[in-house]
């Protein structure tokens, strides 16, 4: 099941995100902080994925009971928002001021791709209700700045950013899935390849056989996430280039 942000108590989450509430100090570790809980939860999710993230596991990581963790965060839903916002806050924000817009957007894409490599679970979180904390706001502000000077209306700028990030996160999910299946994929092709060569009528599927063989030989597999990222990002930027040119043309007129 896909996890989503904004699934908890909105008021409690926002107060925690912005440090407007101090948790009750009870339990075996009175010096524990919300940041400690978030860091421990992030480590659990990095290791075991979101499916393995529970308040009990976070408590075990911290050496405290689940009940103690609950004195710092109301529940897993609020904790997920805090984790994602902390991951956003820690991102490296490349200064691309003065560079061509394609370079600026390429840097934004690269930063989010690295985020998904550092924390693979991030790509699995549905963020239609974004965690409106300091990490998200800093990330959003930085990424929107990459479109400065391009004559795009505000809504189009937001749409363009969402389009770019949607591609990056989809590729990140494919990359992770491919890495997990790499060993079994090789075994499958070792078994299926000789059989296909005997039973497949190449004359019936000339394009599929010719192009599939060429692509497989070039990439070393049926699908290469790195090649798909480079090819796809270039096409995303090409498409945004049309939008940007149209906006500039309207301004001149």
Protein backbone atom coordinates (compact mmCIF):
# COMPACT_ATOMS: atom_id res chain seq x y z
CA UNK A 1 0.00 0.00 0.00
CA UNK A 2 1.30 3.46 -0.88
CA UNK A 3 2.05 5.68 2.08
CA UNK A 4 0.94 9.27 1.95
CA UNK A 5 1.76 12.46 3.74
CA UNK A 6 -0.92 14.48 5.51
CA UNK A 7 -2.55 11.37 6.94
CA UNK A 8 -2.32 12.40 10.56
CA UNK A 9 -3.58 15.22 12.73
CA UNK A 10 -2.81 18.34 10.69
CA UNK A 11 -2.54 20.71 13.65
CA UNK A 12 -0.24 18.43 15.64
CA UNK A 13 1.90 17.72 12.59
CA UNK A 14 2.36 21.38 11.74
CA UNK A 15 3.27 22.27 15.31
CA UNK A 16 5.88 19.52 15.34
CA UNK A 17 7.25 20.48 11.92
CA UNK A 18 7.76 24.07 12.99
CA UNK A 19 8.92 23.33 16.53
CA UNK A 20 5.88 24.96 18.09
CA UNK A 21 5.31 22.19 20.62
CA UNK A 22 7.58 20.53 23.15
CA UNK A 23 6.92 16.82 23.80
CA UNK A 24 6.24 15.63 27.31
CA UNK A 25 9.39 14.57 29.11
CA UNK A 26 8.75 11.16 30.58
CA UNK A 27 10.19 7.71 30.07
CA UNK A 28 13.64 6.20 30.45
CA UNK A 29 15.32 8.74 28.16
CA UNK A 30 14.25 12.23 29.29
CA UNK A 31 16.87 13.73 26.97
CA UNK A 32 15.27 12.31 23.82
CA UNK A 33 14.12 14.83 21.20
CA UNK A 34 11.73 14.77 18.27
CA UNK A 35 14.79 15.00 16.01
CA UNK A 36 16.15 11.81 17.61
CA UNK A 37 12.90 10.01 16.87
CA UNK A 38 12.87 11.24 13.27
CA UNK A 39 16.50 10.21 12.72
CA UNK A 40 15.85 6.73 14.14
CA UNK A 41 12.71 6.31 12.02
CA UNK A 42 14.59 7.40 8.91
CA UNK A 43 17.28 4.78 9.58
CA UNK A 44 14.62 2.09 9.96
CA UNK A 45 12.92 3.13 6.71
CA UNK A 46 16.25 3.33 4.85
CA UNK A 47 17.02 -0.23 5.93
CA UNK A 48 13.65 -1.95 5.94
CA UNK A 49 11.45 0.28 3.78
CA UNK A 50 8.20 1.87 4.84
CA UNK A 51 6.60 -1.54 5.30
CA UNK A 52 9.09 -2.21 8.10
CA UNK A 53 8.57 1.16 9.78
CA UNK A 54 6.63 0.86 13.03
CA UNK A 55 6.65 2.84 16.24
CA UNK A 56 7.87 -0.30 18.01
CA UNK A 57 10.86 -0.62 15.65
CA UNK A 58 11.70 3.05 16.16
CA UNK A 59 11.58 2.51 19.91
CA UNK A 60 13.88 -0.49 19.63
CA UNK A 61 16.31 1.60 17.61
CA UNK A 62 16.31 4.23 20.36
CA UNK A 63 16.36 1.76 23.23
CA UNK A 64 12.98 2.86 24.57
CA UNK A 65 9.44 1.51 24.56
CA UNK A 66 6.87 2.28 21.89
CA UNK A 67 4.88 4.19 24.51
CA UNK A 68 7.84 6.48 25.07
CA UNK A 69 8.05 7.21 21.34
CA UNK A 70 4.37 8.17 21.42
CA UNK A 71 5.18 10.96 23.89
CA UNK A 72 7.19 12.63 21.12
CA UNK A 73 5.06 11.93 18.03
CA UNK A 74 1.33 11.15 17.93
CA UNK A 75 1.70 8.25 15.49
CA UNK A 76 3.26 6.87 12.32
CA UNK A 77 1.33 9.21 10.01
CA UNK A 78 2.69 12.33 11.68
CA UNK A 79 6.13 10.74 11.94
CA UNK A 80 6.23 10.13 8.17
CA UNK A 81 5.62 13.83 7.52
CA UNK A 82 8.46 14.72 9.89
CA UNK A 83 10.80 12.21 8.22
CA UNK A 84 10.11 13.48 4.72
CA UNK A 85 10.50 17.11 5.75
CA UNK A 86 13.80 16.32 7.47
CA UNK A 87 15.03 14.56 4.33
CA UNK A 88 14.08 17.63 2.28
CA UNK A 89 15.86 19.88 4.76
CA UNK A 90 19.09 17.91 4.46
CA UNK A 91 19.22 17.99 0.65
CA UNK A 92 22.19 19.65 -1.03
CA UNK A 93 20.90 22.72 -2.86
CA UNK A 94 23.19 23.40 -5.81
CA UNK A 95 23.51 27.10 -6.62
CA UNK A 96 22.89 27.33 -10.35
CA UNK A 97 22.33 31.07 -10.52
CA UNK A 98 23.30 32.51 -13.92
CA UNK A 99 23.34 29.15 -15.68
CA UNK A 100 21.14 28.18 -18.62
CA UNK A 101 17.69 26.99 -17.57
CA UNK A 102 18.39 23.43 -18.79
CA UNK A 103 21.41 23.24 -16.50
CA UNK A 104 19.37 24.61 -13.61
CA UNK A 105 16.62 22.05 -14.08
CA UNK A 106 19.15 19.27 -14.60
CA UNK A 107 20.62 20.17 -11.20
CA UNK A 108 17.15 20.04 -9.62
CA UNK A 109 16.54 16.63 -11.16
CA UNK A 110 19.93 15.36 -9.98
CA UNK A 111 19.31 16.55 -6.42
CA UNK A 112 16.01 14.70 -6.23
CA UNK A 113 17.49 11.61 -7.82
CA UNK A 114 20.18 11.58 -5.13
CA UNK A 115 17.54 12.06 -2.44
CA UNK A 116 15.80 8.90 -3.68
CA UNK A 117 19.09 7.02 -3.64
CA UNK A 118 19.90 8.17 -0.12
CA UNK A 119 16.37 7.40 1.11
CA UNK A 120 14.68 4.95 -1.31
CA UNK A 121 11.37 5.11 0.55
CA UNK A 122 10.91 8.78 -0.42
CA UNK A 123 9.82 7.83 -3.95
CA UNK A 124 7.03 5.66 -2.52
CA UNK A 125 5.33 8.46 -0.58
CA UNK A 126 2.29 10.13 -2.14
CA UNK A 127 2.53 13.84 -1.39
CA UNK A 128 -0.71 15.39 -2.66
CA UNK A 129 -1.01 16.76 0.88
CA UNK A 130 2.59 17.91 1.25
CA UNK A 131 4.27 18.19 4.65
CA UNK A 132 4.31 21.97 4.88
CA UNK A 133 7.36 22.20 7.08
CA UNK A 134 10.59 24.17 6.77
CA UNK A 135 12.28 21.45 4.73
CA UNK A 136 9.59 21.33 2.08
CA UNK A 137 9.30 25.11 1.90
CA UNK A 138 13.07 25.53 1.45
CA UNK A 139 13.10 22.81 -1.21
CA UNK A 140 10.13 24.27 -3.08
CA UNK A 141 11.53 27.80 -2.96
CA UNK A 142 14.90 26.62 -4.27
CA UNK A 143 13.39 24.56 -7.08
CA UNK A 144 10.99 27.26 -8.22
CA UNK A 145 13.93 29.67 -8.48
CA UNK A 146 15.31 27.49 -11.29
CA UNK A 147 12.51 28.87 -13.48
CA UNK A 148 13.29 32.54 -12.81
CA UNK A 149 13.51 34.72 -15.89
CA UNK A 150 11.60 32.31 -18.14
CA UNK A 151 8.32 34.26 -18.41
CA UNK A 152 6.30 31.30 -17.14
CA UNK A 153 3.11 32.16 -15.23
CA UNK A 154 3.11 31.00 -11.62
CA UNK A 155 0.79 28.04 -12.14
CA UNK A 156 2.73 26.90 -15.22
CA UNK A 157 5.94 27.11 -13.21
CA UNK A 158 4.46 24.84 -10.54
CA UNK A 159 3.17 22.44 -13.22
CA UNK A 160 6.57 22.32 -14.90
CA UNK A 161 8.31 21.50 -11.63
CA UNK A 162 5.78 18.75 -10.84
CA UNK A 163 6.27 17.29 -14.31
CA UNK A 164 10.03 17.21 -13.90
CA UNK A 165 9.93 15.67 -10.41
CA UNK A 166 7.31 13.14 -11.46
CA UNK A 167 9.72 11.79 -14.05
CA UNK A 168 12.63 11.67 -11.59
CA UNK A 169 10.67 9.81 -8.91
CA UNK A 170 9.23 7.30 -11.38
CA UNK A 171 12.73 6.56 -12.64
CA UNK A 172 13.94 6.18 -9.05
CA UNK A 173 11.30 3.53 -8.37
CA UNK A 174 12.31 1.65 -11.52
CA UNK A 175 15.99 1.89 -10.59
CA UNK A 176 15.35 0.42 -7.15
CA UNK A 177 13.17 -2.37 -8.53
CA UNK A 178 15.78 -3.18 -11.15
CA UNK A 179 18.57 -3.34 -8.58
CA UNK A 180 16.53 -5.69 -6.40
CA UNK A 181 15.79 -8.02 -9.32
CA UNK A 182 19.21 -7.87 -11.02
CA UNK A 183 20.36 -11.32 -9.96
CA UNK A 184 17.11 -13.10 -10.76
CA UNK A 185 16.83 -11.25 -14.08
CA UNK A 186 20.17 -12.63 -15.20
CA UNK A 187 19.12 -16.14 -14.22
CA UNK A 188 15.81 -15.73 -16.04
CA UNK A 189 17.46 -14.62 -19.27
CA UNK A 190 19.99 -17.45 -19.05
CA UNK A 191 17.10 -19.90 -18.98
CA UNK A 192 14.73 -18.11 -21.35
CA UNK A 193 17.24 -16.98 -23.98
CA UNK A 194 18.11 -20.38 -25.49
CA UNK A 195 14.47 -21.44 -25.43
CA UNK A 196 13.29 -18.26 -27.16
CA UNK A 197 15.88 -18.68 -29.90
CA UNK A 198 14.33 -22.06 -30.72
CA UNK A 199 10.62 -21.29 -30.50
CA UNK A 200 10.37 -17.64 -31.59
CA UNK A 201 9.58 -17.03 -35.26
CA UNK A 202 11.72 -13.98 -35.98
CA UNK A 203 10.02 -13.37 -39.32
CA UNK A 204 6.69 -12.79 -37.52
CA UNK A 205 8.14 -10.08 -35.27
CA UNK A 206 10.99 -8.54 -37.27
CA UNK A 207 10.99 -5.14 -35.54
CA UNK A 208 10.61 -6.54 -32.05
CA UNK A 209 13.45 -9.01 -32.55
CA UNK A 210 15.82 -6.62 -34.33
CA UNK A 211 15.28 -3.59 -32.09
CA UNK A 212 15.01 -5.60 -28.89
CA UNK A 213 18.29 -7.34 -29.64
CA UNK A 214 20.01 -4.05 -30.47
CA UNK A 215 18.74 -2.37 -27.30
CA UNK A 216 19.69 -5.34 -25.15
CA UNK A 217 23.18 -5.48 -26.62
CA UNK A 218 23.67 -1.74 -26.11
CA UNK A 219 22.47 -1.70 -22.50
CA UNK A 220 23.43 -5.17 -21.37
CA UNK A 221 19.83 -5.78 -20.28
CA UNK A 222 16.25 -5.27 -21.39
CA UNK A 223 16.05 -2.09 -19.33
CA UNK A 224 18.73 0.24 -18.01
CA UNK A 225 17.45 2.84 -15.50
CA UNK A 226 20.52 5.03 -15.98
CA UNK A 227 20.04 5.17 -19.75
CA UNK A 228 16.31 5.70 -19.27
CA UNK A 229 17.04 8.60 -16.92
CA UNK A 230 19.38 10.36 -19.33
CA UNK A 231 17.09 9.84 -22.32
CA UNK A 232 13.92 10.71 -20.42
CA UNK A 233 15.33 13.81 -18.75
CA UNK A 234 16.44 15.18 -22.11
CA UNK A 235 12.93 14.64 -23.50
CA UNK A 236 11.32 16.26 -20.43
CA UNK A 237 13.55 19.30 -20.87
CA UNK A 238 12.78 19.39 -24.60
CA UNK A 239 9.08 19.47 -23.80
CA UNK A 240 9.50 22.20 -21.19
CA UNK A 241 11.56 24.12 -23.72
CA UNK A 242 8.50 24.36 -25.97
CA UNK A 243 6.46 25.73 -23.07
CA UNK A 244 9.19 28.24 -22.21
CA UNK A 245 9.51 29.38 -25.83
CA UNK A 246 5.75 29.87 -26.06
CA UNK A 247 5.75 31.99 -22.88
CA UNK A 248 8.59 34.13 -24.24
CA UNK A 249 6.76 34.57 -27.53
CA UNK A 250 3.61 35.74 -25.75
CA UNK A 251 5.64 38.28 -23.76
CA UNK A 252 7.20 39.70 -26.93
CA UNK A 253 3.82 40.03 -28.56
